Every structure is written in C-alpha cells, then in structure tokens.
C-alpha cells in the first residue's frame, strides 16, 4: 500500500472516528434532554396531583364541617332545647325559693350553651368562603384583629370583585390569617399592611408586611414555625412565594399567581 492510499485510509478513519464520537455525543445529549423532559413531566404531573389533592381535601373538609354543623343543630340542639323546656317547667312548678334559684341558674347555663351551640352550628353550616368575596373575607379578618387593639391592620385592593373559586379564596384567607397570627405573636409589630391587587398578567398578588423586629428566615424555616404551611399552600395552587425579613425592620410576604396563557 502506497503512501497516498495509507493517507486516505488514515483520513477516512479519522473522519469516521469523528463522526462516531459526534454521534455518541449527540445521542448522550439527546438522552439527557429526553431524561430532563421526562423528569419535568413527572414533576408537572406531581404538582397537578398535589393541587387536585388539596382541592379534594378542602372540599371534604368543607362537607365534613357542614355535616358536623347540621348534627349539632338537629341532634344536640334539639336535646338541649328539650332540657331547657323541662327546666322551665320545674321552675314553674317548684315552690321552694332556694331550689328555684338553683333551677334558674341551671336554666341560664343551658340557654347560654344552646345559644353558643347555635352560633357554632351556623358558623359551620354557612358556606362562608363560597358565599363571600375574598376582599370581604380578608376585611372581616382585619376588623376582628383590630378589635383586640394589639396591632393596627390596614387592607387595600385595586378591584371591587375578583372571580375566585373556593380553593384560591381559602388559600388567600388562611395565609393571611397565618401571617397575622405569627406577626402578633412573634414580631412585636405595631402595624400590618395587607394589599391584594390584580393586573393584566397577574390573577392576584398578595402582599403583607409588618414593622416588627424581624427574624432570620433560614433559621425560622428550618424550625417550620407556620411558614412552611404558607409556602406549601401557595405552591400547590402554582403561586410564587417570597418571604423576606430584616431585623428591626420587619417582614414582608409576597405571593403571586400569574394568569394562564
């Protein structure tokens, strides 16, 4: 074999080798890409499953509370009403003053218990979250907290009505309640500011911040003091979650849910 033929063989071998290596690299890259897409698909399906699971859990919880409320009203409430009538009859028929005073005290306790039971039953059976707008639910929470005069809460929003389902309203309300409770309990804050806005690309954005003492977010997250629940609730419905805190400045929470394309 001459030098020319040997050179051609070497060149062909190098070309084939380069082509082989290129093919292997392309295959590896393609495999990694397919694997990444497969893992992303699994993660996406898991997220969808978690959201559906949360929605189902909330619906079951809602139905259970309504059933408990009906049982309290129809069963225990009726029995207490009957006992109250018996006591009233005893009070009417009794002629001993000392005993009448005791019976009257028992009657008052029963009537107060019956009133508390009816109030609890109404709270459980009323579909409060479904029936009210989210701004009404948050404003009621703000008003209730302000009535204790431990911290001043303010609430602002840029819309009159926002069409949200039960799951979204429940998540927004529970996160707001959790933040308020944590701030009042741990931050020694004087003010809590709440805003809920919507825009062209954002379905809703909830911002809450206080002027408390702040904390180390990494340390608190590791201890899981209420913040994990807020983050999990936001992530399950696909909302972004940001929490920032600086010592002696305060804590700020921002949760954003973008509109689907």
Protein backbone atom coordinates (compact mmCIF):
# COMPACT_ATOMS: atom_id res chain seq x y z
CA UNK A 1 0.00 0.00 0.00
CA UNK A 2 1.43 3.33 -1.07
CA UNK A 3 1.68 6.47 0.99
CA UNK A 4 -1.31 8.02 -0.79
CA UNK A 5 -3.55 5.06 -0.04
CA UNK A 6 -2.33 4.98 3.59
CA UNK A 7 -3.03 8.70 3.93
CA UNK A 8 -6.54 8.23 2.55
CA UNK A 9 -7.17 5.37 4.99
CA UNK A 10 -5.97 7.48 7.92
CA UNK A 11 -8.14 10.39 6.85
CA UNK A 12 -11.18 8.15 6.42
CA UNK A 13 -10.52 6.56 9.79
CA UNK A 14 -10.27 9.96 11.45
CA UNK A 15 -13.43 11.16 9.71
CA UNK A 16 -15.31 8.02 10.77
CA UNK A 17 -13.95 8.35 14.29
CA UNK A 18 -15.03 11.97 14.49
CA UNK A 19 -18.45 11.04 13.11
CA UNK A 20 -18.74 8.24 15.66
CA UNK A 21 -17.76 10.50 18.55
CA UNK A 22 -20.17 13.18 17.30
CA UNK A 23 -22.95 10.62 17.05
CA UNK A 24 -22.24 9.42 20.58
CA UNK A 25 -22.24 12.98 21.90
CA UNK A 26 -25.48 13.75 20.07
CA UNK A 27 -27.04 10.58 21.49
CA UNK A 28 -25.89 11.43 25.03
CA UNK A 29 -27.19 14.98 24.71
CA UNK A 30 -30.48 13.74 23.29
CA UNK A 31 -30.76 11.16 26.06
CA UNK A 32 -30.11 13.76 28.73
CA UNK A 33 -32.66 16.08 27.13
CA UNK A 34 -35.28 13.32 27.00
CA UNK A 35 -34.49 12.38 30.59
CA UNK A 36 -34.82 16.02 31.68
CA UNK A 37 -38.13 16.37 29.84
CA UNK A 38 -39.34 13.12 31.38
CA UNK A 39 -38.42 14.30 34.88
CA UNK A 40 -40.05 17.66 34.22
CA UNK A 41 -43.19 15.90 33.06
CA UNK A 42 -43.22 13.75 36.18
CA UNK A 43 -42.74 16.86 38.34
CA UNK A 44 -45.53 18.67 36.48
CA UNK A 45 -47.89 15.73 36.95
CA UNK A 46 -46.97 15.56 40.63
CA UNK A 47 -47.75 19.27 41.01
CA UNK A 48 -51.11 18.81 39.29
CA UNK A 49 -51.82 15.81 41.51
CA UNK A 50 -50.94 17.79 44.64
CA UNK A 51 -53.23 20.64 43.60
CA UNK A 52 -56.09 18.26 42.90
CA UNK A 53 -55.41 16.52 46.21
CA UNK A 54 -55.54 19.82 48.11
CA UNK A 55 -58.75 20.81 46.34
CA UNK A 56 -60.31 17.45 47.23
CA UNK A 57 -59.14 17.72 50.85
CA UNK A 58 -60.62 21.20 51.17
CA UNK A 59 -63.92 20.05 49.67
CA UNK A 60 -64.03 17.07 52.04
CA UNK A 61 -63.18 19.32 54.97
CA UNK A 62 -65.91 21.75 53.96
CA UNK A 63 -68.50 18.95 53.62
CA UNK A 64 -67.43 17.46 56.97
CA UNK A 65 -67.79 20.77 58.78
CA UNK A 66 -71.23 21.27 57.28
CA UNK A 67 -72.27 17.78 58.38
CA UNK A 68 -70.98 18.41 61.92
CA UNK A 69 -72.88 21.71 61.99
CA UNK A 70 -76.10 20.02 60.93
CA UNK A 71 -75.65 17.27 63.54
CA UNK A 72 -75.06 19.86 66.26
CA UNK A 73 -78.18 21.75 65.26
CA UNK A 74 -80.52 18.82 64.60
CA UNK A 75 -79.41 16.41 67.32
CA UNK A 76 -77.69 18.05 70.28
CA UNK A 77 -79.50 21.36 69.76
CA UNK A 78 -82.90 19.72 69.92
CA UNK A 79 -81.96 17.81 73.05
CA UNK A 80 -80.74 20.95 74.79
CA UNK A 81 -83.95 22.70 73.78
CA UNK A 82 -85.95 19.87 75.33
CA UNK A 83 -83.88 20.02 78.53
CA UNK A 84 -84.44 23.79 78.67
CA UNK A 85 -88.20 23.26 78.46
CA UNK A 86 -88.10 20.68 81.27
CA UNK A 87 -86.10 23.04 83.47
CA UNK A 88 -88.56 25.87 82.79
CA UNK A 89 -91.39 23.56 83.80
CA UNK A 90 -89.53 22.60 87.00
CA UNK A 91 -89.00 26.27 87.77
CA UNK A 92 -92.71 26.96 87.27
CA UNK A 93 -93.87 24.02 89.41
CA UNK A 94 -91.29 24.35 92.19
CA UNK A 95 -92.43 26.16 95.37
CA UNK A 96 -89.13 26.16 97.31
CA UNK A 97 -87.30 29.52 96.90
CA UNK A 98 -83.81 28.06 97.43
CA UNK A 99 -84.39 25.37 94.84
CA UNK A 100 -85.93 27.87 92.41
CA UNK A 101 -82.76 29.94 92.49
CA UNK A 102 -80.62 26.90 91.65
CA UNK A 103 -83.01 25.79 88.91
CA UNK A 104 -82.92 29.30 87.43
CA UNK A 105 -79.11 29.21 87.37
CA UNK A 106 -79.19 25.85 85.60
CA UNK A 107 -81.71 27.26 83.13
CA UNK A 108 -79.46 30.22 82.35
CA UNK A 109 -76.46 27.94 81.76
CA UNK A 110 -78.48 25.70 79.44
CA UNK A 111 -79.83 28.67 77.47
CA UNK A 112 -76.34 30.16 77.10
CA UNK A 113 -74.97 26.79 75.96
CA UNK A 114 -77.82 26.48 73.48
CA UNK A 115 -77.07 29.95 72.13
CA UNK A 116 -73.35 29.11 71.77
CA UNK A 117 -74.23 25.84 70.06
CA UNK A 118 -76.50 27.57 67.56
CA UNK A 119 -73.79 30.12 66.81
CA UNK A 120 -71.22 27.36 66.26
CA UNK A 121 -73.64 25.37 64.12
CA UNK A 122 -74.36 28.44 61.97
CA UNK A 123 -70.64 29.08 61.51
CA UNK A 124 -70.03 25.50 60.39
CA UNK A 125 -73.05 25.16 58.12
CA UNK A 126 -72.78 28.57 56.48
CA UNK A 127 -70.57 28.31 53.40
CA UNK A 128 -68.77 31.47 54.45
CA UNK A 129 -65.87 31.25 51.98
CA UNK A 130 -68.02 30.37 48.97
CA UNK A 131 -70.67 32.97 49.68
CA UNK A 132 -68.37 35.97 50.23
CA UNK A 133 -65.86 37.84 48.11
CA UNK A 134 -62.20 37.45 49.05
CA UNK A 135 -61.93 41.16 49.92
CA UNK A 136 -64.84 40.75 52.34
CA UNK A 137 -63.24 37.72 53.97
CA UNK A 138 -59.90 39.48 54.45
CA UNK A 139 -61.55 42.69 55.65
CA UNK A 140 -63.52 40.73 58.25
CA UNK A 141 -60.26 39.19 59.47
CA UNK A 142 -58.69 42.66 59.64
CA UNK A 143 -61.66 44.09 61.54
CA UNK A 144 -61.71 41.19 64.00
CA UNK A 145 -58.00 41.57 64.70
CA UNK A 146 -58.22 45.35 65.06
CA UNK A 147 -60.95 44.92 67.66
CA UNK A 148 -58.36 43.38 70.03
CA UNK A 149 -56.20 46.54 69.70
CA UNK A 150 -52.93 44.59 69.81
CA UNK A 151 -51.79 45.71 66.38
CA UNK A 152 -53.17 48.05 63.70
CA UNK A 153 -54.07 46.32 60.42
CA UNK A 154 -54.87 48.01 57.11
CA UNK A 155 -56.12 46.39 53.91
CA UNK A 156 -56.10 47.82 50.38
CA UNK A 157 -57.07 46.34 47.00
CA UNK A 158 -57.45 47.66 43.44
CA UNK A 159 -60.64 45.86 42.40
CA UNK A 160 -64.25 45.56 43.52
CA UNK A 161 -64.81 41.94 42.56
CA UNK A 162 -62.45 39.10 41.69
CA UNK A 163 -63.88 35.82 40.43
CA UNK A 164 -62.06 33.21 42.53
CA UNK A 165 -63.01 29.65 43.41
CA UNK A 166 -63.13 28.13 46.87
CA UNK A 167 -59.55 26.81 46.80
CA UNK A 168 -57.96 30.16 45.91
CA UNK A 169 -60.05 32.10 48.42
CA UNK A 170 -59.29 29.54 51.10
CA UNK A 171 -55.54 29.71 50.41
CA UNK A 172 -55.50 33.53 50.44
CA UNK A 173 -57.52 33.71 53.64
CA UNK A 174 -55.52 31.04 55.51
CA UNK A 175 -52.17 32.55 54.51
CA UNK A 176 -53.36 35.98 55.63
CA UNK A 177 -54.53 34.56 58.96
CA UNK A 178 -51.25 32.69 59.46
CA UNK A 179 -49.14 35.78 58.78
CA UNK A 180 -51.25 37.94 61.10
CA UNK A 181 -51.06 35.41 63.93
CA UNK A 182 -47.30 34.96 63.53
CA UNK A 183 -46.68 38.71 63.41
CA UNK A 184 -48.74 39.47 66.50
CA UNK A 185 -47.26 36.54 68.41
CA UNK A 186 -43.58 36.85 67.49
CA UNK A 187 -42.72 40.20 65.88
CA UNK A 188 -43.96 42.77 68.42
CA UNK A 189 -45.22 44.77 65.45
CA UNK A 190 -47.36 47.88 65.69
CA UNK A 191 -48.71 47.76 62.13
CA UNK A 192 -49.52 45.14 59.49
CA UNK A 193 -50.19 46.25 55.91
CA UNK A 194 -52.10 43.99 53.51
CA UNK A 195 -52.62 44.58 49.78
CA UNK A 196 -54.36 42.36 47.25
CA UNK A 197 -54.13 43.51 43.64
CA UNK A 198 -54.73 42.21 40.15
CA UNK A 199 -53.36 43.30 36.77
CA UNK A 200 -53.32 42.34 33.10
CA UNK A 201 -50.91 39.43 33.54
CA UNK A 202 -51.45 38.64 37.22
CA UNK A 203 -54.60 36.97 38.51
CA UNK A 204 -53.82 38.16 42.02
CA UNK A 205 -50.87 39.27 44.10
CA UNK A 206 -50.99 39.26 47.89
CA UNK A 207 -48.51 41.40 49.80
CA UNK A 208 -48.32 41.52 53.58
CA UNK A 209 -45.68 43.21 55.67
CA UNK A 210 -45.25 44.24 59.28
CA UNK A 211 -42.96 46.65 61.11
CA UNK A 212 -41.84 44.14 63.71
CA UNK A 213 -38.44 43.03 64.94
CA UNK A 214 -37.82 40.67 62.01
CA UNK A 215 -36.02 37.33 62.13
CA UNK A 216 -33.52 35.03 60.44
CA UNK A 217 -35.60 33.43 57.66
CA UNK A 218 -33.28 30.43 57.26
CA UNK A 219 -33.43 29.59 60.94
CA UNK A 220 -37.19 30.04 61.15
CA UNK A 221 -37.80 27.97 58.01
CA UNK A 222 -35.75 25.12 59.41
CA UNK A 223 -37.87 25.20 62.55
CA UNK A 224 -41.05 25.32 60.48
CA UNK A 225 -42.95 27.89 62.53
CA UNK A 226 -46.03 28.33 60.36
CA UNK A 227 -44.10 29.46 57.29
CA UNK A 228 -43.89 26.01 55.73
CA UNK A 229 -47.68 25.77 55.68
CA UNK A 230 -47.97 29.13 53.91
CA UNK A 231 -45.37 28.18 51.33
CA UNK A 232 -46.94 24.78 50.68
CA UNK A 233 -50.39 26.30 50.23
CA UNK A 234 -49.03 28.81 47.70
CA UNK A 235 -47.02 26.24 45.75
CA UNK A 236 -49.87 23.75 45.50
CA UNK A 237 -52.01 26.24 43.54
CA UNK A 238 -48.99 27.26 41.43
CA UNK A 239 -48.31 30.63 43.03
CA UNK A 240 -44.83 32.03 43.61
CA UNK A 241 -43.81 32.59 47.23
CA UNK A 242 -41.32 35.15 48.52
CA UNK A 243 -40.56 35.88 52.17
CA UNK A 244 -38.06 38.49 53.30
CA UNK A 245 -37.26 39.70 56.79
CA UNK A 246 -34.74 42.10 58.30
CA UNK A 247 -34.06 42.55 61.97
CA UNK A 248 -35.64 45.68 63.46
CA UNK A 249 -37.22 46.49 60.08
CA UNK A 250 -39.92 43.87 59.63
CA UNK A 251 -41.13 41.00 57.49
CA UNK A 252 -42.61 41.06 54.01
CA UNK A 253 -44.53 38.29 52.25
CA UNK A 254 -45.41 38.32 48.54
CA UNK A 255 -47.46 35.64 46.83
CA UNK A 256 -48.21 35.96 43.13
CA UNK A 257 -50.38 33.89 40.82
CA UNK A 258 -49.99 34.71 37.15
CA UNK A 259 -52.77 34.27 34.63
CA UNK A 260 -52.54 31.20 32.47
CA UNK A 261 -51.85 31.81 28.81
